[in-house]
Amino acid sequence: MADRNTAAQQKAEAEKKAAAQKKAEAEKKSAAQKKAASQQKNAGAANQVVPTTKERSVAQKKRDGRSELLKVSVYLDTGKVLGIASLGVVSAAILVAALAFIAG
């Protein structure tokens, strides 16, 4: 019985050591990859050309300066509105008179 316990303990210790080694190797590998990526990034940044800023047109500057999302303008021709309203009043009067004539 004691042999089984010691064998199980030795096996557990060996598994722990193997897991720790795998973890350490994975950390070393990821650190090396990060270092290589940062070196490539730094090398790439040194070779890049800084783009020149493009001049914006006057219309583009005006568009950028606006803070409103949408502007809607409504223009009413009061003559037409009054004409349509008066037409409705006259037609309503005619219909009421016709209804009174028919009903009476």
Protein backbone atom coordinates (compact mmCIF):
# COMPACT_ATOMS: atom_id res chain seq x y z
CA MET A 1 0.00 0.00 0.00
CA ALA A 2 2.82 2.37 0.88
CA ASP A 3 4.50 1.60 -2.44
CA ARG A 4 1.37 2.65 -4.31
CA ASN A 5 1.18 5.97 -2.41
CA THR A 6 4.82 6.79 -3.03
CA ALA A 7 4.49 5.81 -6.68
CA ALA A 8 1.41 8.04 -7.03
CA GLN A 9 3.22 10.91 -5.32
CA GLN A 10 6.26 10.50 -7.57
CA LYS A 11 4.01 10.42 -10.63
CA ALA A 12 2.18 13.59 -9.48
CA GLU A 13 5.50 15.36 -8.85
CA ALA A 14 6.78 14.35 -12.29
CA GLU A 15 3.58 15.67 -13.90
CA LYS A 16 3.93 18.96 -12.00
CA LYS A 17 7.54 19.33 -13.15
CA ALA A 18 6.55 18.57 -16.75
CA ALA A 19 3.71 21.10 -16.61
CA ALA A 20 6.03 23.74 -15.13
CA GLN A 21 8.60 23.10 -17.86
CA LYS A 22 5.96 23.38 -20.60
CA LYS A 23 4.69 26.62 -19.09
CA ALA A 24 8.21 28.05 -18.89
CA GLU A 25 8.91 27.08 -22.50
CA ALA A 26 5.66 28.64 -23.66
CA GLU A 27 6.48 31.87 -21.81
CA LYS A 28 9.96 31.98 -23.37
CA LYS A 29 8.48 31.38 -26.80
CA SER A 30 5.85 34.11 -26.42
CA ALA A 31 8.46 36.54 -25.09
CA ALA A 32 10.69 35.81 -28.09
CA GLN A 33 7.75 36.33 -30.47
CA LYS A 34 6.85 39.63 -28.82
CA LYS A 35 10.44 40.80 -29.03
CA ALA A 36 10.67 39.86 -32.71
CA ALA A 37 7.37 41.60 -33.45
CA SER A 38 8.47 44.77 -31.69
CA GLN A 39 11.77 44.74 -33.59
CA GLN A 40 9.94 44.36 -36.90
CA LYS A 41 7.58 47.16 -35.92
CA ASN A 42 10.45 49.47 -35.04
CA ALA A 43 12.29 48.60 -38.25
CA GLY A 44 9.11 49.19 -40.27
CA ALA A 45 8.47 52.53 -38.59
CA ALA A 46 11.95 53.75 -39.48
CA ASN A 47 11.38 52.99 -43.17
CA GLN A 48 7.96 54.62 -43.44
CA VAL A 49 7.47 57.93 -45.18
CA VAL A 50 5.32 60.45 -43.34
CA PRO A 51 2.36 61.34 -45.59
CA THR A 52 1.91 64.99 -46.39
CA THR A 53 -1.32 66.62 -45.27
CA LYS A 54 -3.68 67.39 -48.10
CA GLU A 55 -5.15 70.88 -48.38
CA ARG A 56 -8.91 70.91 -47.95
CA SER A 57 -11.19 72.84 -50.20
CA VAL A 58 -13.31 75.70 -48.91
CA ALA A 59 -16.49 73.63 -49.23
CA GLN A 60 -14.92 70.77 -47.26
CA LYS A 61 -13.86 73.16 -44.49
CA LYS A 62 -17.41 74.54 -44.30
CA ARG A 63 -18.85 71.01 -44.11
CA ASP A 64 -16.46 70.09 -41.31
CA GLY A 65 -17.29 73.28 -39.40
CA ARG A 66 -21.02 72.60 -39.25
CA SER A 67 -22.36 71.15 -36.07
CA GLU A 68 -25.92 70.42 -37.19
CA LEU A 69 -26.87 67.04 -38.53
CA LEU A 70 -29.61 68.10 -40.93
CA LYS A 71 -31.14 71.39 -41.88
CA VAL A 72 -34.62 71.51 -43.38
CA SER A 73 -36.11 74.69 -44.78
CA VAL A 74 -39.83 74.98 -45.51
CA TYR A 75 -41.26 77.86 -47.48
CA LEU A 76 -45.02 78.41 -47.61
CA ASP A 77 -46.74 80.39 -50.29
CA THR A 78 -49.45 82.08 -48.20
CA GLY A 79 -51.55 82.92 -51.26
CA LYS A 80 -51.89 79.26 -52.21
CA VAL A 81 -52.57 78.21 -48.60
CA LEU A 82 -55.34 80.83 -48.21
CA GLY A 83 -56.81 79.87 -51.60
CA ILE A 84 -57.03 76.18 -50.67
CA ALA A 85 -58.48 76.99 -47.22
CA SER A 86 -61.14 79.30 -48.68
CA LEU A 87 -61.99 76.68 -51.29
CA GLY A 88 -62.54 74.15 -48.47
CA VAL A 89 -64.77 76.55 -46.53
CA VAL A 90 -66.88 77.33 -49.60
CA SER A 91 -67.26 73.65 -50.55
CA ALA A 92 -68.23 72.77 -46.96
CA ALA A 93 -70.89 75.51 -47.00
CA ILE A 94 -72.29 74.22 -50.30
CA LEU A 95 -72.45 70.63 -48.96
CA VAL A 96 -74.21 71.72 -45.76
CA ALA A 97 -76.72 73.76 -47.78
CA ALA A 98 -77.37 70.81 -50.09
CA LEU A 99 -77.86 68.50 -47.12
CA ALA A 100 -80.30 70.92 -45.53
CA PHE A 101 -82.21 71.24 -48.81
CA ILE A 102 -82.43 67.45 -49.24
CA ALA A 103 -83.37 66.77 -45.64
CA GLY A 104 -85.92 69.59 -45.37
